[in-house]
Amino acid sequence: MLFLSAATSFGATRESKSWLLYEQGNAAISRKEFGEALRLYKDAVATAGIFPEAELAIGDVYLEEGEFDLARNQYEKAYNQRKAFSIDDSKYDALYRLAHLYEGQELYKLMEDRLLTIVADDKHFAETPNSRLRTQVEKNYFDRGIDHVLLLYSFSDAFASNAHSKLGWFYYRTGRFSQSISHLLYSVVNCVGQITSFLQERDVDFQFSTLQGLLSAVQKSKELSDYAHGVELYRDLYYLAGATFAAGYPQHSIDIWKLLSGFESAGPWQGLSLKQVKSPWIEPLLGTALKAR
């Protein structure tokens, strides 16, 4: 028993030291001391043995220094160690970083693959023999519009929202409009669910019946406005309308664009939506940028 207690104590001490080194590395990053941060993160890995959080951070340092191949290798390494993350959802951070890296290099197929890996864990989106929820969400959208969908559904899979958002944009820009609509609907529903929860925590009686009513409430709160911009809610609504127009449902598209054109908080998407209302168009495809190494 004494031996076991000593071994346990040693393990705990080593873990504490590795986390201390990791936090010191984070502090160095905040001071933009990247060389010092790299040394601390590597020491943390050497102390812990397996430490995916630190491997991820090392990748961030390499990315900051423009070492894209080294950054990619680190992110892949962190994801391969995903079972060791102290918070399980942190594994998605590695995939998002890889997707962002590939997007910057216009390696869109590789970006898509990483984002689809994230989406595969979204239980509300997956179509199985016993679940056709996604099909039903889309049917309700085409039959009744966005307001009806937002009143019917509320999901909490926030980890996948950004992946749905990016895939929705990507599929729109590559002419796959049906897939774009699928992902953008889920991104919007997830975002609206988060906003509704925030508002109901402050007012248990809060309800909304239209997207316009919800966006009006968002516009009154700086915190919510910042959140809506951060998760690209307005962009997603703009491209949802674009993909819907391209798919042959112009009235749903005009309804969304008209709504966005009335909100200054939508930023650049307000002006673009106003132009779309006057004369709708489909953005050019990414075309030759679609490549993978």
Foldseek 3Di string as FASTA:
>chain_A
DVVVVVVVVVLVVLLVQLVVLQVVLVVCVVVVVLVSSLVSLVVSCVSNVDDLVSLQVNLVSCVVVVNLVSSLVSLVSSLVSLVPDPDNLCSLVSLCVNLVSCVVVLQNVSNLVSLVVQVVPVVQLDDDPVDDNLVVLVVCCLVPNLLRSLVVDADQPVSNLLSLQVVLVQCLQAVNLVSNLSSLSVNLRHLLNVLVVVVCVVPVPDDDRGPLVSVVVLVVDPVSLVVCVVSVNLVSLLSSLLSCVVVPRNVSSLVSLVSLLVDVSSPPSNVVSVVCNVPNDRDHHPPPSHHHD
